[in-house]
Amino acid sequence: MDPLFLGALVAIITIVVLFSGVSVAIGLLIVSAGFLITFDGLRSLELMPEILFGKLKLCASLYSYVYHYGLIDCVYAGRG
């Protein structure tokens, strides 16, 4: 399959799925799972937990970093 056609197909399906109203994480999971199953078969389902939960640790640490330092900045801003 032509890489340009495949990229366009992924982009169109991603836009359609995201405009359907699902959350971004679930929408991207649906698209990635669909293409994995289509091109790699059902054995690719063992990758689903890594696709969905693999980067949550990074997101949680970034959120706690922003929350913590944002809270400290608010405390110092009130003292000035």
Protein backbone atom coordinates (compact mmCIF):
# COMPACT_ATOMS: atom_id res chain seq x y z
CA MET A 1 0.00 0.00 0.00
CA ASP A 2 1.28 3.45 -0.88
CA PRO A 3 2.53 5.33 2.24
CA LEU A 4 0.87 8.57 1.11
CA PHE A 5 -2.49 6.84 0.70
CA LEU A 6 -2.11 5.10 4.05
CA GLY A 7 -1.25 8.38 5.80
CA ALA A 8 -4.25 10.08 4.24
CA LEU A 9 -6.48 7.19 5.29
CA VAL A 10 -5.22 7.37 8.88
CA ALA A 11 -5.74 11.14 8.95
CA ILE A 12 -9.29 10.97 7.57
CA ILE A 13 -10.35 8.15 9.88
CA THR A 14 -8.78 9.91 12.88
CA ILE A 15 -10.65 13.13 12.12
CA VAL A 16 -13.94 11.25 11.66
CA VAL A 17 -13.51 9.36 14.92
CA LEU A 18 -12.53 12.47 16.89
CA PHE A 19 -15.45 14.48 15.48
CA SER A 20 -17.82 11.71 16.55
CA GLY A 21 -17.63 12.99 20.13
CA VAL A 22 -15.43 10.46 21.91
CA SER A 23 -12.57 11.63 24.09
CA VAL A 24 -9.20 12.10 22.42
CA ALA A 25 -7.50 9.19 24.20
CA ILE A 26 -10.26 6.73 23.40
CA GLY A 27 -10.57 8.01 19.83
CA LEU A 28 -6.87 7.56 19.17
CA LEU A 29 -7.04 4.11 20.79
CA ILE A 30 -9.88 3.15 18.45
CA VAL A 31 -7.96 4.31 15.39
CA SER A 32 -4.68 2.69 16.42
CA ALA A 33 -6.39 -0.56 17.42
CA GLY A 34 -8.29 -0.66 14.15
CA PHE A 35 -5.16 -0.23 12.06
CA LEU A 36 -3.16 -2.66 14.20
CA ILE A 37 -5.81 -5.35 13.82
CA THR A 38 -6.18 -4.62 10.10
CA PHE A 39 -2.49 -4.84 9.27
CA ASP A 40 -1.10 -7.10 12.02
CA GLY A 41 -4.03 -9.35 12.92
CA LEU A 42 -5.57 -10.22 16.25
CA ARG A 43 -2.21 -10.99 17.84
CA SER A 44 -1.63 -7.23 18.05
CA LEU A 45 -4.30 -6.96 20.77
CA GLU A 46 -1.63 -7.74 23.34
CA LEU A 47 -0.29 -4.22 22.69
CA MET A 48 -3.50 -2.46 23.73
CA PRO A 49 -2.63 -1.93 27.43
CA GLU A 50 0.70 -0.38 26.44
CA ILE A 51 -0.96 1.89 23.87
CA LEU A 52 -3.61 3.13 26.31
CA PHE A 53 -1.72 3.19 29.62
CA GLY A 54 1.93 3.35 28.56
CA LYS A 55 2.41 7.08 28.85
CA LEU A 56 0.07 7.76 31.78
CA LYS A 57 2.98 7.82 34.19
CA LEU A 58 4.55 10.68 32.23
CA CYS A 59 1.25 12.59 32.10
CA ALA A 60 0.73 12.17 35.83
CA SER A 61 4.21 13.40 36.65
CA LEU A 62 3.83 16.43 34.35
CA TYR A 63 0.45 17.25 35.89
CA SER A 64 1.79 17.03 39.42
CA TYR A 65 4.79 19.19 38.46
CA VAL A 66 2.59 21.93 36.95
CA TYR A 67 0.08 21.73 39.80
CA HIS A 68 2.77 21.87 42.48
CA TYR A 69 4.72 24.79 41.05
CA GLY A 70 1.57 26.62 40.03
CA LEU A 71 0.36 26.38 43.61
CA ILE A 72 3.68 27.68 44.93
CA ASP A 73 3.56 30.63 42.53
CA CYS A 74 0.05 31.51 43.73
CA VAL A 75 1.22 31.48 47.36
CA TYR A 76 4.20 33.74 46.65
CA ALA A 77 2.12 36.07 44.49
CA GLY A 78 -0.27 36.67 47.39
CA ARG A 79 2.53 37.76 49.72
CA GLY A 80 3.89 40.52 47.50
